[in-house]
N, C-alpha and C. Protein backbone atom coordinates (compact mmCIF):
# COMPACT_ATOMS: atom_id res chain seq x y z
N ASP A 1 -68.59 -6.05 -32.43
CA ASP A 1 -68.87 -7.45 -32.17
C ASP A 1 -67.69 -8.30 -32.64
N GLU A 2 -67.14 -9.08 -31.74
CA GLU A 2 -66.01 -9.93 -32.08
C GLU A 2 -66.47 -11.37 -32.34
N THR A 3 -65.86 -11.97 -33.34
CA THR A 3 -66.14 -13.38 -33.61
C THR A 3 -64.94 -14.24 -33.26
N TYR A 4 -63.84 -13.62 -32.83
CA TYR A 4 -62.63 -14.32 -32.42
C TYR A 4 -62.13 -13.70 -31.13
N GLY A 5 -61.20 -14.38 -30.51
CA GLY A 5 -60.55 -13.83 -29.34
C GLY A 5 -61.20 -14.23 -28.03
N ALA A 6 -60.61 -13.72 -26.96
CA ALA A 6 -61.04 -14.09 -25.61
C ALA A 6 -62.49 -13.75 -25.34
N ALA A 7 -62.96 -12.61 -25.85
CA ALA A 7 -64.35 -12.22 -25.61
C ALA A 7 -65.31 -13.21 -26.26
N ALA A 8 -65.00 -13.62 -27.47
CA ALA A 8 -65.86 -14.59 -28.16
C ALA A 8 -65.86 -15.93 -27.44
N VAL A 9 -64.69 -16.39 -27.03
CA VAL A 9 -64.60 -17.67 -26.33
C VAL A 9 -65.37 -17.61 -25.01
N ALA A 10 -65.25 -16.50 -24.29
CA ALA A 10 -65.99 -16.34 -23.03
C ALA A 10 -67.50 -16.35 -23.27
N GLN A 11 -67.93 -15.68 -24.32
CA GLN A 11 -69.36 -15.63 -24.63
C GLN A 11 -69.89 -17.02 -24.99
N ILE A 12 -69.12 -17.78 -25.75
CA ILE A 12 -69.53 -19.14 -26.12
C ILE A 12 -69.74 -19.97 -24.86
N GLY A 13 -68.92 -19.74 -23.84
CA GLY A 13 -69.02 -20.47 -22.59
C GLY A 13 -70.33 -20.28 -21.85
N GLU A 14 -71.10 -19.29 -22.25
CA GLU A 14 -72.39 -19.03 -21.62
C GLU A 14 -73.53 -19.85 -22.24
N PHE A 15 -73.23 -20.59 -23.28
CA PHE A 15 -74.26 -21.34 -24.01
C PHE A 15 -74.01 -22.84 -23.92
N GLN A 16 -75.06 -23.61 -24.15
CA GLN A 16 -74.98 -25.05 -24.34
C GLN A 16 -75.78 -25.37 -25.59
N ALA A 17 -75.13 -25.93 -26.59
CA ALA A 17 -75.77 -26.22 -27.88
C ALA A 17 -76.02 -27.72 -28.03
N ASP A 18 -77.00 -28.04 -28.84
CA ASP A 18 -77.22 -29.45 -29.19
C ASP A 18 -76.07 -29.96 -30.04
N ARG A 19 -75.60 -29.13 -30.96
CA ARG A 19 -74.60 -29.57 -31.92
C ARG A 19 -73.66 -28.43 -32.28
N ALA A 20 -72.38 -28.72 -32.31
CA ALA A 20 -71.38 -27.78 -32.83
C ALA A 20 -70.98 -28.27 -34.21
N ILE A 21 -71.03 -27.39 -35.19
CA ILE A 21 -70.61 -27.73 -36.55
C ILE A 21 -69.35 -26.93 -36.84
N LEU A 22 -68.25 -27.67 -37.02
CA LEU A 22 -66.94 -27.07 -37.16
C LEU A 22 -66.35 -27.34 -38.53
N THR A 23 -65.47 -26.47 -38.98
CA THR A 23 -64.65 -26.73 -40.16
C THR A 23 -63.25 -27.09 -39.68
N ALA A 24 -62.41 -27.52 -40.59
CA ALA A 24 -61.07 -27.94 -40.20
C ALA A 24 -60.04 -27.47 -41.22
N GLY A 25 -58.86 -27.16 -40.73
CA GLY A 25 -57.74 -26.88 -41.63
C GLY A 25 -57.07 -28.17 -42.05
N GLY A 26 -57.15 -29.17 -41.18
CA GLY A 26 -56.56 -30.47 -41.47
C GLY A 26 -57.17 -31.56 -40.64
N LEU A 27 -57.07 -32.78 -41.15
CA LEU A 27 -57.50 -33.99 -40.43
C LEU A 27 -56.31 -34.94 -40.43
N ASP A 28 -55.70 -35.09 -39.28
CA ASP A 28 -54.47 -35.86 -39.15
C ASP A 28 -54.71 -37.10 -38.30
N VAL A 29 -54.16 -38.22 -38.73
CA VAL A 29 -54.35 -39.49 -38.02
C VAL A 29 -53.93 -39.39 -36.56
N GLU A 30 -52.85 -38.69 -36.27
CA GLU A 30 -52.35 -38.59 -34.90
C GLU A 30 -52.97 -37.44 -34.11
N LEU A 31 -53.17 -36.30 -34.74
CA LEU A 31 -53.63 -35.11 -34.03
C LEU A 31 -55.13 -34.90 -34.08
N GLY A 32 -55.82 -35.54 -35.01
CA GLY A 32 -57.25 -35.33 -35.15
C GLY A 32 -57.55 -34.09 -35.98
N VAL A 33 -58.50 -33.29 -35.51
CA VAL A 33 -58.92 -32.08 -36.21
C VAL A 33 -57.97 -30.95 -35.82
N THR A 34 -57.43 -30.26 -36.83
CA THR A 34 -56.50 -29.16 -36.59
C THR A 34 -56.91 -27.94 -37.40
N ASP A 35 -56.34 -26.80 -37.05
CA ASP A 35 -56.61 -25.57 -37.79
C ASP A 35 -55.33 -24.75 -37.89
N PHE A 36 -55.26 -23.89 -38.89
CA PHE A 36 -54.07 -23.07 -39.11
C PHE A 36 -54.07 -21.79 -38.30
N GLU A 37 -55.23 -21.34 -37.88
CA GLU A 37 -55.35 -20.07 -37.15
C GLU A 37 -55.63 -20.33 -35.68
N PHE A 38 -54.81 -19.76 -34.81
CA PHE A 38 -54.96 -19.94 -33.37
C PHE A 38 -56.35 -19.53 -32.90
N GLU A 39 -56.80 -18.35 -33.33
CA GLU A 39 -58.09 -17.85 -32.85
C GLU A 39 -59.26 -18.69 -33.34
N GLU A 40 -59.19 -19.17 -34.58
CA GLU A 40 -60.25 -20.05 -35.08
C GLU A 40 -60.27 -21.36 -34.30
N ALA A 41 -59.10 -21.90 -34.02
CA ALA A 41 -59.02 -23.14 -33.24
C ALA A 41 -59.57 -22.94 -31.84
N SER A 42 -59.29 -21.79 -31.23
CA SER A 42 -59.80 -21.50 -29.89
C SER A 42 -61.32 -21.43 -29.87
N VAL A 43 -61.89 -20.77 -30.86
CA VAL A 43 -63.35 -20.67 -30.95
C VAL A 43 -63.95 -22.06 -31.19
N ALA A 44 -63.35 -22.84 -32.07
CA ALA A 44 -63.85 -24.19 -32.36
C ALA A 44 -63.79 -25.07 -31.11
N ARG A 45 -62.69 -25.00 -30.36
CA ARG A 45 -62.59 -25.79 -29.12
C ARG A 45 -63.68 -25.39 -28.13
N ALA A 46 -63.92 -24.10 -27.99
CA ALA A 46 -64.96 -23.63 -27.07
C ALA A 46 -66.33 -24.10 -27.52
N MET A 47 -66.60 -24.01 -28.82
CA MET A 47 -67.90 -24.45 -29.33
C MET A 47 -68.11 -25.94 -29.07
N ALA A 48 -67.08 -26.74 -29.33
CA ALA A 48 -67.18 -28.18 -29.13
C ALA A 48 -67.37 -28.53 -27.65
N ALA A 49 -66.71 -27.78 -26.78
CA ALA A 49 -66.81 -28.05 -25.35
C ALA A 49 -68.19 -27.76 -24.79
N HIS A 50 -68.96 -26.94 -25.50
CA HIS A 50 -70.29 -26.55 -25.02
C HIS A 50 -71.39 -27.06 -25.93
N ALA A 51 -71.18 -28.24 -26.50
CA ALA A 51 -72.17 -28.86 -27.37
C ALA A 51 -72.34 -30.33 -27.00
N ASP A 52 -73.53 -30.83 -27.21
CA ASP A 52 -73.79 -32.25 -26.94
C ASP A 52 -73.18 -33.17 -27.98
N SER A 53 -73.04 -32.69 -29.21
CA SER A 53 -72.38 -33.47 -30.25
C SER A 53 -71.57 -32.53 -31.14
N VAL A 54 -70.56 -33.11 -31.79
CA VAL A 54 -69.65 -32.32 -32.62
C VAL A 54 -69.60 -32.93 -34.02
N VAL A 55 -69.88 -32.08 -35.02
CA VAL A 55 -69.82 -32.46 -36.42
C VAL A 55 -68.73 -31.64 -37.09
N VAL A 56 -67.89 -32.30 -37.86
CA VAL A 56 -66.83 -31.61 -38.60
C VAL A 56 -67.13 -31.70 -40.08
N LEU A 57 -67.08 -30.57 -40.76
CA LEU A 57 -67.24 -30.50 -42.21
C LEU A 57 -65.86 -30.31 -42.82
N ALA A 58 -65.49 -31.17 -43.77
CA ALA A 58 -64.17 -31.05 -44.39
C ALA A 58 -64.19 -31.64 -45.79
N ASP A 59 -63.53 -30.96 -46.72
CA ASP A 59 -63.39 -31.53 -48.06
C ASP A 59 -62.11 -32.36 -48.10
N ALA A 60 -61.95 -33.10 -49.17
CA ALA A 60 -60.85 -34.07 -49.29
C ALA A 60 -59.47 -33.43 -49.21
N THR A 61 -59.35 -32.14 -49.49
CA THR A 61 -58.03 -31.50 -49.41
C THR A 61 -57.51 -31.44 -47.97
N LYS A 62 -58.38 -31.66 -47.00
CA LYS A 62 -57.98 -31.62 -45.59
C LYS A 62 -57.47 -32.97 -45.09
N PHE A 63 -57.73 -34.04 -45.83
CA PHE A 63 -57.33 -35.38 -45.43
C PHE A 63 -55.81 -35.50 -45.35
N GLY A 64 -55.30 -35.97 -44.23
CA GLY A 64 -53.88 -36.17 -44.07
C GLY A 64 -53.10 -34.88 -43.87
N ARG A 65 -53.78 -33.79 -43.75
CA ARG A 65 -53.15 -32.48 -43.59
C ARG A 65 -53.04 -32.16 -42.09
N ARG A 66 -51.90 -31.64 -41.68
CA ARG A 66 -51.67 -31.30 -40.27
C ARG A 66 -51.46 -29.80 -40.16
N ALA A 67 -52.35 -29.14 -39.44
CA ALA A 67 -52.22 -27.71 -39.19
C ALA A 67 -51.59 -27.49 -37.82
N ALA A 68 -51.22 -26.26 -37.53
CA ALA A 68 -50.45 -25.95 -36.33
C ALA A 68 -51.21 -26.08 -35.02
N HIS A 69 -52.53 -25.90 -35.05
CA HIS A 69 -53.30 -25.82 -33.80
C HIS A 69 -54.30 -26.96 -33.69
N ARG A 70 -54.21 -27.69 -32.60
CA ARG A 70 -55.14 -28.79 -32.34
C ARG A 70 -56.51 -28.23 -31.98
N VAL A 71 -57.54 -28.86 -32.53
CA VAL A 71 -58.91 -28.49 -32.20
C VAL A 71 -59.54 -29.59 -31.36
N ARG A 72 -59.51 -30.82 -31.86
CA ARG A 72 -60.21 -31.91 -31.19
C ARG A 72 -59.63 -33.24 -31.68
N PRO A 73 -59.34 -34.19 -30.77
CA PRO A 73 -58.97 -35.53 -31.23
C PRO A 73 -60.21 -36.22 -31.81
N PHE A 74 -59.99 -37.20 -32.64
CA PHE A 74 -61.12 -37.87 -33.29
C PHE A 74 -62.09 -38.50 -32.29
N ASP A 75 -61.60 -38.98 -31.16
CA ASP A 75 -62.52 -39.61 -30.20
C ASP A 75 -63.41 -38.60 -29.47
N GLN A 76 -63.25 -37.32 -29.81
CA GLN A 76 -64.11 -36.29 -29.24
C GLN A 76 -64.98 -35.61 -30.30
N ILE A 77 -65.09 -36.24 -31.47
CA ILE A 77 -66.05 -35.77 -32.46
C ILE A 77 -67.01 -36.92 -32.76
N ASP A 78 -68.20 -36.56 -33.21
CA ASP A 78 -69.23 -37.57 -33.45
C ASP A 78 -69.40 -37.92 -34.92
N MET A 79 -69.21 -36.91 -35.78
CA MET A 79 -69.48 -37.13 -37.19
C MET A 79 -68.55 -36.28 -38.06
N LEU A 80 -68.14 -36.86 -39.18
CA LEU A 80 -67.41 -36.14 -40.22
C LEU A 80 -68.26 -36.15 -41.47
N VAL A 81 -68.51 -34.98 -42.02
CA VAL A 81 -69.21 -34.86 -43.30
C VAL A 81 -68.18 -34.41 -44.32
N ALA A 82 -67.95 -35.24 -45.35
CA ALA A 82 -66.90 -34.97 -46.33
C ALA A 82 -67.41 -35.21 -47.74
N ASP A 83 -66.71 -34.64 -48.69
CA ASP A 83 -67.10 -34.78 -50.10
C ASP A 83 -66.56 -36.05 -50.74
N GLU A 84 -65.62 -36.72 -50.06
CA GLU A 84 -65.05 -37.97 -50.55
C GLU A 84 -64.80 -38.90 -49.37
N THR A 85 -64.65 -40.17 -49.63
CA THR A 85 -64.29 -41.12 -48.59
C THR A 85 -62.83 -40.89 -48.21
N PRO A 86 -62.53 -40.78 -46.92
CA PRO A 86 -61.14 -40.59 -46.51
C PRO A 86 -60.27 -41.79 -46.90
N PRO A 87 -58.97 -41.56 -47.14
CA PRO A 87 -58.07 -42.67 -47.45
C PRO A 87 -57.98 -43.65 -46.29
N ALA A 88 -57.51 -44.84 -46.57
CA ALA A 88 -57.53 -45.95 -45.61
C ALA A 88 -56.97 -45.62 -44.22
N PRO A 89 -55.78 -45.04 -44.08
CA PRO A 89 -55.28 -44.78 -42.72
C PRO A 89 -56.19 -43.84 -41.93
N LEU A 90 -56.69 -42.82 -42.58
CA LEU A 90 -57.58 -41.87 -41.92
C LEU A 90 -58.92 -42.52 -41.62
N SER A 91 -59.44 -43.30 -42.54
CA SER A 91 -60.71 -44.02 -42.31
C SER A 91 -60.60 -44.94 -41.10
N ARG A 92 -59.48 -45.64 -40.98
CA ARG A 92 -59.29 -46.55 -39.83
C ARG A 92 -59.26 -45.77 -38.52
N ALA A 93 -58.54 -44.65 -38.51
CA ALA A 93 -58.45 -43.83 -37.29
C ALA A 93 -59.83 -43.31 -36.89
N LEU A 94 -60.60 -42.86 -37.87
CA LEU A 94 -61.95 -42.35 -37.59
C LEU A 94 -62.85 -43.47 -37.08
N GLU A 95 -62.77 -44.63 -37.72
CA GLU A 95 -63.59 -45.77 -37.31
C GLU A 95 -63.23 -46.21 -35.88
N GLN A 96 -61.94 -46.29 -35.58
CA GLN A 96 -61.51 -46.70 -34.23
C GLN A 96 -61.98 -45.70 -33.18
N ALA A 97 -62.12 -44.43 -33.58
CA ALA A 97 -62.57 -43.40 -32.64
C ALA A 97 -64.09 -43.35 -32.53
N GLY A 98 -64.79 -44.12 -33.37
CA GLY A 98 -66.25 -44.15 -33.33
C GLY A 98 -66.92 -43.02 -34.07
N VAL A 99 -66.19 -42.40 -35.00
CA VAL A 99 -66.74 -41.27 -35.77
C VAL A 99 -67.58 -41.81 -36.93
N ILE A 100 -68.77 -41.27 -37.09
CA ILE A 100 -69.63 -41.57 -38.24
C ILE A 100 -69.15 -40.72 -39.39
N VAL A 101 -68.91 -41.34 -40.54
CA VAL A 101 -68.42 -40.62 -41.72
C VAL A 101 -69.51 -40.63 -42.78
N LEU A 102 -69.91 -39.45 -43.20
CA LEU A 102 -70.91 -39.31 -44.27
C LEU A 102 -70.27 -38.64 -45.46
């Protein structure tokens, strides 16, 4: 059973979820949600594409961090759940994109 790779992404495409809950390697003002691993980013993109809403879970160490692989721009996520309030530039970008921050 694979949890990464083309087979996993193809299998995800067979489903429609109410909500995708994703983690992030970084949250960047310009790039949005990013990840360091290509395969993890691919799975996250597929999950988000087949969900009615997208929630990102991230701790404060991800704020302002830019990873190599784009997952989702902020205007394509619905909610960020974090352990701290994001710094001002990131908070503004999330607010402008309509993201609910908890």
